[in-house]
Protein backbone atom coordinates (compact mmCIF):
# COMPACT_ATOMS: atom_id res chain seq x y z
CA MET A 1 -6.01 -79.45 -72.61
CA ILE A 2 -5.91 -77.04 -75.56
CA GLY A 3 -7.98 -74.45 -73.71
CA PRO A 4 -5.27 -73.37 -71.21
CA PHE A 5 -2.74 -73.00 -74.01
CA LEU A 6 -5.11 -70.85 -76.09
CA LEU A 7 -5.83 -68.72 -73.05
CA GLY A 8 -2.09 -68.44 -72.45
CA VAL A 9 -1.54 -67.21 -76.02
CA VAL A 10 -4.33 -64.65 -75.60
CA LEU A 11 -2.78 -63.40 -72.34
CA LEU A 12 0.65 -63.22 -74.01
CA VAL A 13 -0.75 -61.14 -76.87
CA LEU A 14 -2.63 -58.84 -74.49
CA ASN A 15 0.50 -58.40 -72.40
CA GLY A 16 2.39 -57.37 -75.54
CA LEU A 17 -0.32 -54.87 -76.47
CA PHE A 18 -0.23 -53.26 -73.04
CA VAL A 19 3.57 -53.01 -73.21
CA ALA A 20 3.40 -51.45 -76.69
CA ALA A 21 0.72 -49.00 -75.55
CA GLU A 22 2.84 -47.96 -72.56
CA PHE A 23 5.94 -47.22 -74.65
CA ALA A 24 3.93 -45.58 -77.43
CA LEU A 25 2.43 -43.18 -74.88
CA VAL A 26 5.82 -41.84 -73.80
CA SER A 27 7.65 -41.94 -77.15
CA ALA A 28 5.05 -40.73 -79.69
CA LYS A 29 5.47 -37.09 -80.73
CA ARG A 30 2.33 -35.18 -79.79
CA HIS A 31 2.62 -32.67 -82.63
CA ARG A 32 2.59 -35.50 -85.16
CA ILE A 33 -0.45 -37.10 -83.55
CA GLU A 34 -2.21 -33.72 -83.51
CA GLU A 35 -1.44 -33.25 -87.21
CA ILE A 36 -3.00 -36.63 -87.94
CA ALA A 37 -5.99 -35.75 -85.78
CA GLY A 38 -6.64 -32.77 -88.05
CA GLY A 39 -6.73 -34.80 -91.28
CA GLY A 40 -6.93 -38.31 -92.70
CA GLY A 41 -9.86 -40.70 -92.59
CA ARG A 42 -12.60 -40.66 -90.00
CA VAL A 43 -11.31 -43.69 -88.06
CA THR A 44 -7.76 -42.35 -88.13
CA ARG A 45 -8.90 -38.98 -86.80
CA ILE A 46 -10.85 -40.63 -83.98
CA ALA A 47 -7.84 -42.78 -83.05
CA ALA A 48 -5.52 -39.76 -83.15
CA ARG A 49 -7.83 -37.76 -80.88
CA ALA A 50 -7.95 -40.68 -78.46
CA ALA A 51 -4.14 -40.82 -78.48
CA VAL A 52 -3.91 -37.08 -77.79
CA ARG A 53 -6.35 -37.39 -74.88
CA GLY A 54 -4.30 -40.31 -73.55
CA GLY A 55 -1.16 -38.16 -73.60
CA ARG A 56 -2.95 -35.53 -71.53
CA GLU A 57 -3.79 -38.17 -68.90
CA LEU A 58 -0.37 -39.78 -68.96
CA SER A 59 -0.21 -40.80 -65.31
CA LEU A 60 -3.62 -42.48 -65.44
CA MET A 61 -2.92 -44.21 -68.76
CA LEU A 62 0.43 -45.55 -67.58
CA ALA A 63 -1.32 -46.91 -64.50
CA GLY A 64 -3.77 -48.65 -66.86
CA ALA A 65 -0.90 -50.17 -68.85
CA GLN A 66 0.79 -51.40 -65.69
CA LEU A 67 -2.46 -52.87 -64.39
CA GLY A 68 -3.02 -54.70 -67.68
CA ILE A 69 0.55 -56.02 -67.77
CA THR A 70 0.32 -57.22 -64.17
CA LEU A 71 -3.00 -59.01 -64.70
CA CYS A 72 -1.78 -60.69 -67.90
CA SER A 73 1.51 -61.75 -66.29
CA LEU A 74 -0.27 -63.23 -63.27
CA GLY A 75 -2.81 -64.96 -65.49
CA LEU A 76 -0.05 -66.38 -67.69
CA GLY A 77 1.69 -67.82 -64.64
CA MET A 78 -1.54 -69.30 -63.27
CA VAL A 79 -2.75 -70.82 -66.53
CA ALA A 80 0.14 -71.56 -68.89
CA GLU A 81 2.77 -72.81 -66.44
CA PRO A 82 0.65 -75.56 -64.80
CA ALA A 83 -0.67 -76.68 -68.21
CA LEU A 84 2.83 -76.86 -69.69
CA GLU A 85 4.14 -78.63 -66.59
CA HIS A 86 1.38 -81.23 -66.94
CA VAL A 87 2.40 -81.86 -70.56
CA LEU A 88 6.14 -82.05 -69.85
CA GLU A 89 5.99 -84.33 -66.81
CA PRO A 90 5.11 -87.57 -68.73
CA LEU A 91 7.98 -86.86 -71.16
CA LEU A 92 10.46 -87.05 -68.31
CA GLY A 93 9.81 -90.71 -67.55
CA LEU A 94 13.53 -91.58 -67.59
CA LEU A 95 14.12 -89.38 -64.61
CA PRO A 96 13.53 -90.51 -61.05
CA GLU A 97 9.96 -90.01 -60.01
CA SER A 98 11.03 -87.75 -57.14
CA VAL A 99 12.49 -85.12 -59.48
CA GLN A 100 10.10 -85.36 -62.44
CA THR A 101 7.70 -82.78 -61.04
CA LEU A 102 10.51 -80.42 -60.06
CA VAL A 103 12.20 -80.61 -63.49
CA ALA A 104 8.88 -80.26 -65.32
CA TYR A 105 8.03 -77.19 -63.25
CA ALA A 106 11.46 -75.63 -63.90
CA LEU A 107 11.21 -76.26 -67.65
CA ALA A 108 7.65 -74.89 -67.81
CA LEU A 109 8.69 -71.80 -65.87
CA ALA A 110 11.70 -71.25 -68.16
CA ILE A 111 9.65 -71.61 -71.34
CA VAL A 112 6.84 -69.35 -70.17
CA THR A 113 9.32 -66.77 -68.88
CA PHE A 114 11.20 -66.83 -72.20
CA LEU A 115 8.00 -66.37 -74.22
CA HIS A 116 6.80 -63.69 -71.84
CA MET A 117 10.03 -61.69 -72.11
CA VAL A 118 10.51 -62.04 -75.87
CA ALA A 119 6.97 -62.08 -77.27
CA GLY A 120 5.21 -60.25 -74.44
CA GLU A 121 7.79 -57.60 -73.53
CA MET A 122 10.82 -57.04 -75.78
CA ALA A 123 9.24 -57.42 -79.23
CA PRO A 124 6.24 -55.10 -78.60
CA LYS A 125 8.51 -52.60 -76.82
CA SER A 126 10.88 -52.48 -79.81
CA TRP A 127 7.96 -52.08 -82.21
CA ALA A 128 6.48 -49.22 -80.21
CA LEU A 129 9.84 -47.44 -80.00
CA THR A 130 10.50 -47.92 -83.72
CA HIS A 131 7.02 -46.80 -84.85
CA PRO A 132 5.67 -44.77 -81.89
CA GLU A 133 3.00 -42.82 -83.79
CA ARG A 134 1.73 -45.92 -85.60
CA ALA A 135 1.61 -47.85 -82.32
CA ALA A 136 -0.15 -44.99 -80.56
CA LEU A 137 -2.81 -44.75 -83.28
CA GLY A 138 -3.33 -48.51 -83.55
CA LEU A 139 -3.73 -49.04 -79.80
CA ALA A 140 -5.38 -45.78 -78.76
CA LEU A 141 -9.02 -46.85 -79.03
CA PRO A 142 -8.85 -50.31 -77.37
CA PHE A 143 -6.47 -49.03 -74.72
CA ARG A 144 -8.68 -46.02 -73.93
CA GLY A 145 -11.64 -48.41 -73.73
CA PHE A 146 -9.82 -50.58 -71.19
CA ALA A 147 -8.73 -47.53 -69.19
CA ARG A 148 -12.29 -46.22 -69.11
CA ALA A 149 -13.62 -49.58 -67.92
CA VAL A 150 -11.20 -49.78 -65.00
CA ARG A 151 -10.98 -46.04 -64.34
CA PRO A 152 -12.17 -46.24 -60.70
CA VAL A 153 -9.43 -48.78 -59.92
CA LEU A 154 -6.85 -46.67 -61.74
CA ALA A 155 -7.91 -43.55 -59.85
CA VAL A 156 -7.34 -45.30 -56.52
CA LEU A 157 -3.97 -46.71 -57.61
CA ASN A 158 -2.90 -43.35 -59.01
CA SER A 159 -3.88 -41.53 -55.81
CA PHE A 160 -1.79 -43.86 -53.65
CA THR A 161 1.13 -43.58 -56.08
CA ASN A 162 1.03 -39.77 -56.10
CA ALA A 163 0.81 -39.70 -52.30
CA LEU A 164 3.87 -41.93 -52.07
CA LEU A 165 5.80 -39.70 -54.49
CA ARG A 166 4.89 -36.54 -52.58
CA LEU A 167 6.06 -38.24 -49.40
CA PHE A 168 9.56 -38.31 -50.94
CA GLY A 169 9.32 -34.77 -52.31
CA VAL A 170 8.53 -35.73 -55.93
CA ARG A 171 5.87 -33.74 -57.76
CA PRO A 172 3.79 -36.03 -60.04
CA LYS A 173 3.14 -34.96 -63.64
CA ASP A 174 0.10 -35.86 -65.73
CA GLU A 175 1.72 -35.30 -69.13
CA LEU A 176 5.11 -35.16 -70.77
CA ALA A 177 6.81 -31.86 -71.38
CA GLY A 178 6.27 -30.73 -74.98
CA THR A 179 9.26 -28.45 -75.27
CA ARG A 180 13.00 -28.68 -75.11
CA THR A 181 15.29 -26.36 -73.20
CA PRO A 182 18.08 -24.55 -75.09
CA HIS A 183 20.58 -26.78 -73.28
CA GLN A 184 18.82 -29.93 -74.48
CA LEU A 185 18.64 -28.60 -78.03
CA ALA A 186 22.34 -27.70 -77.93
CA MET A 187 23.15 -31.28 -76.92
CA LEU A 188 21.04 -32.62 -79.80
CA VAL A 189 22.77 -30.32 -82.28
CA ALA A 190 26.22 -31.29 -80.97
CA GLU A 191 25.41 -34.99 -81.23
CA SER A 192 23.95 -34.57 -84.73
CA GLY A 193 27.12 -32.76 -85.81
CA ARG A 194 29.33 -35.46 -84.32
CA MET A 195 27.44 -38.19 -86.18
CA GLY A 196 27.65 -36.30 -89.48
CA MET A 197 23.92 -35.60 -89.75
CA LEU A 198 24.63 -31.85 -90.10
CA ASP A 199 27.29 -30.25 -92.24
CA ARG A 200 29.75 -27.84 -90.64
CA ASP A 201 27.97 -24.63 -91.68
CA GLU A 202 24.57 -25.84 -90.45
CA HIS A 203 26.09 -27.03 -87.17
CA ASP A 204 27.83 -23.69 -86.57
CA LEU A 205 24.70 -21.68 -87.45
CA LEU A 206 22.46 -23.69 -85.12
CA THR A 207 25.04 -23.58 -82.34
CA ARG A 208 25.35 -19.78 -82.53
CA ALA A 209 21.57 -19.36 -82.70
CA LEU A 210 21.04 -21.54 -79.63
CA ARG A 211 23.79 -19.69 -77.78
CA ALA A 212 22.03 -16.40 -78.54
CA GLN A 213 18.83 -17.76 -77.00
CA SER A 214 20.43 -17.79 -73.55
CA GLN A 215 22.47 -14.60 -73.83
CA PRO A 216 21.47 -11.88 -71.31
CA VAL A 217 20.32 -8.69 -73.00
CA GLU A 218 22.85 -6.71 -70.94
CA ARG A 219 25.63 -7.93 -73.23
CA MET A 220 24.01 -6.35 -76.29
CA MET A 221 22.81 -3.06 -74.85
CA VAL A 222 24.28 0.36 -75.58
CA PRO A 223 25.38 1.91 -72.25
CA LEU A 224 23.30 4.88 -71.17
CA ALA A 225 26.28 7.26 -71.39
CA GLN A 226 26.70 6.38 -75.09
CA THR A 227 23.03 6.76 -76.00
CA ALA A 228 21.69 9.74 -77.96
CA SER A 229 19.51 11.84 -75.67
CA VAL A 230 17.99 15.30 -75.29
CA PRO A 231 16.74 17.12 -72.18
CA THR A 232 13.04 17.53 -71.52
CA ASP A 233 13.08 21.23 -72.46
CA ALA A 234 15.08 20.93 -75.71
CA ASP A 235 13.75 22.78 -78.74
CA ALA A 236 13.04 21.22 -82.13
CA GLU A 237 16.37 22.40 -83.58
CA LEU A 238 18.36 20.66 -80.82
CA VAL A 239 16.38 17.47 -81.36
CA ARG A 240 17.02 17.61 -85.12
CA ARG A 241 20.72 18.34 -84.70
CA THR A 242 21.22 15.58 -82.13
CA ALA A 243 19.43 13.07 -84.33
CA ALA A 244 21.53 14.07 -87.35
CA ASP A 245 24.82 13.96 -85.42
CA ARG A 246 24.12 10.56 -83.86
CA GLY A 247 22.31 9.03 -86.83
CA GLU A 248 19.30 8.08 -84.70
CA LEU A 249 15.58 8.65 -85.25
CA ARG A 250 14.60 7.88 -81.66
CA LEU A 251 16.21 9.78 -78.81
CA LEU A 252 16.00 9.33 -75.08
CA VAL A 253 14.38 12.19 -73.18
CA THR A 254 16.21 12.73 -69.90
CA SER A 255 15.65 14.83 -66.82
CA GLY A 256 18.89 14.80 -64.89
CA VAL A 257 19.75 11.13 -64.34
CA ASP A 258 16.18 9.98 -64.97
CA VAL A 259 14.93 8.71 -68.33
CA VAL A 260 11.48 10.16 -69.03
CA GLY A 261 10.82 8.33 -72.28
CA VAL A 262 11.62 8.30 -75.99
CA VAL A 263 10.94 10.96 -78.62
CA HIS A 264 10.92 10.41 -82.38
CA VAL A 265 12.62 13.20 -84.35
CA ARG A 266 9.66 13.24 -86.75
CA ASP A 267 7.27 14.28 -83.98
CA ALA A 268 9.57 17.10 -82.91
CA LEU A 269 9.80 18.45 -86.47
CA ILE A 270 6.05 18.19 -87.12
CA THR A 271 5.18 20.01 -83.88
CA PRO A 272 8.19 22.28 -83.22
CA ASP A 273 6.32 24.25 -80.57
CA ARG A 274 6.09 21.21 -78.29
CA ARG A 275 8.96 20.14 -76.06
CA PRO A 276 10.32 16.57 -75.73
CA ALA A 277 8.73 16.30 -72.28
CA GLU A 278 5.30 16.50 -74.00
CA LEU A 279 6.21 14.28 -76.95
CA ALA A 280 8.00 11.54 -75.04
CA VAL A 281 6.40 8.10 -74.92
CA PRO A 282 7.24 5.51 -72.26
CA ALA A 283 9.80 2.83 -73.19
CA PRO A 284 9.45 -0.73 -71.87
CA ARG A 285 11.90 -1.60 -69.13
CA ILE A 286 13.73 -4.88 -69.51
CA PRO A 287 15.78 -6.50 -66.70
CA ARG A 288 19.41 -6.89 -67.63
CA ALA A 289 19.28 -10.67 -67.05
CA ALA A 290 16.43 -11.13 -69.58
CA THR A 291 17.31 -13.31 -72.58
CA VAL A 292 17.14 -12.15 -76.19
CA PRO A 293 13.77 -13.88 -76.88
CA GLU A 294 12.31 -12.42 -73.68
CA ALA A 295 13.46 -8.91 -74.66
CA VAL A 296 12.02 -9.31 -78.18
CA THR A 297 8.69 -10.37 -76.69
CA ALA A 298 8.65 -7.40 -74.30
CA LEU A 299 9.33 -4.92 -77.12
CA GLN A 300 6.77 -6.52 -79.43
CA ASP A 301 4.11 -6.51 -76.71
CA ALA A 302 4.77 -2.81 -76.11
CA ARG A 303 4.98 -2.13 -79.88
CA ALA A 304 8.26 -0.39 -79.22
CA GLN A 305 11.50 -0.29 -81.16
CA LEU A 306 13.61 0.65 -78.16
CA GLY A 307 13.76 -0.63 -74.60
CA LEU A 308 15.49 0.46 -71.41
CA VAL A 309 17.74 -2.14 -69.78
CA THR A 310 17.49 -1.88 -66.01
CA GLY A 311 19.68 -3.09 -63.18
CA ASP A 312 18.67 -4.95 -60.05
CA ASP A 313 17.81 -1.65 -58.35
CA GLY A 314 15.65 -0.47 -61.26
CA ASP A 315 18.10 2.13 -62.54
CA VAL A 316 18.50 2.41 -66.30
CA LEU A 317 21.81 0.93 -67.44
CA GLY A 318 21.46 1.23 -71.18
CA VAL A 319 19.31 0.87 -74.27
CA ILE A 320 18.48 -2.09 -76.47
CA ARG A 321 16.86 -1.79 -79.89
CA LEU A 322 14.57 -4.31 -81.55
CA PRO A 323 16.57 -4.50 -84.83
CA THR A 324 19.67 -5.39 -82.80
CA LEU A 325 17.86 -8.23 -81.06
CA ILE A 326 16.31 -9.54 -84.28
CA GLY A 327 19.70 -9.39 -85.96
CA GLN A 328 21.22 -11.33 -83.08
CA LEU A 329 18.64 -14.09 -83.48
CA MET A 330 18.92 -14.18 -87.27
CA THR A 331 22.69 -14.03 -87.64
CA ALA A 332 23.92 -15.36 -84.31
C-alpha cells in the first residue's frame, strides 16, 4: 500500500518542478543568464547555456512544461486518490455503509487537490517568481532533457496550437521580447518614483530623458530660413564672412530653393579658388517625424555633424546638428 503513496509524492514533486520551470522561463532575465553563461563553474555555465537556449524556444518549452504538468496531474489523480480513498474508507465505520465510499472519495479528492495546489502549484510558482534566475539554472538541464525526449510530441502539439492561434488572428512568438518601449520605461520610472525608490532629482532626470526619446526631430530643428547658407557660386571671402557673422563652421550650399550640400569654412579657406558647389558634401536627410535616437543614428552612420530635416514631400524644412541632439539626450 506504500507504493501508490510514494508514487504520488514523486508525481507531486515532478508537478512542482514543471510549474517552477514554466514560470522561471518567462520571468528570468535573459541578460543575467547570459552573464552567468559567460563565467562561473563548468556546470553552471552549461546550465546557463541550456536556460538561454530554452528561452529561445519559449513556445516549445512551455508546451513541454504543460505536458509534464498534465501528465503528473492525471497520474496523481489515478494513483493517489484511489489509494487514499482505500485508506480512509475503513476509518468511516460510524457512517452508514451507503455513504462511506462517497465520503471517503470526497475526502481523498479534497486532500489530493489541496496538496496538488499548495505543494505542486503555488509553492513552486512563488519560488520561481522570487528567484527566477536560480530556478532557471537549477531546472534547465533536466527540463531540457525532458523536452528533448518528448520533442516530437511537443512539435505536434505546438503546431496545432499555433494553427489555432492564427485562426483567430494571433501571431505566435517563440521568445519573449528583450526590450522595453519608452512608454513602458516611463511607467516603471513613474511607479518607482511613487514608491520612493527614486529621489526627486533622479525621477525628473529619467522622466525628461525618456520624454526626449520619443520627441520628433522637427521640434529641435533650425528652420531653413534661419540657417546660415551660401550660394553655389560664392567666393571664399563670402563663405568666410558668412561663417564669421553667423558663428557657424558648416554652411548650407543652396541653389535657389534646393539644398546642394554642406561646406566647411576650412575647406573654402584652404582652397579659395574652388566654389562651394565643388566643395559641398551631401548631408543625410532625416524625416521630420524621426525620433532623437533615430536622428543620432542617421548622423553617426553618415559621419556627419549636420542633417537636413525633410517633410512628407521630401522638401527640406530645416537643419539639425549632432551636438544639439546629443545635448538633448544628455540634459533632457
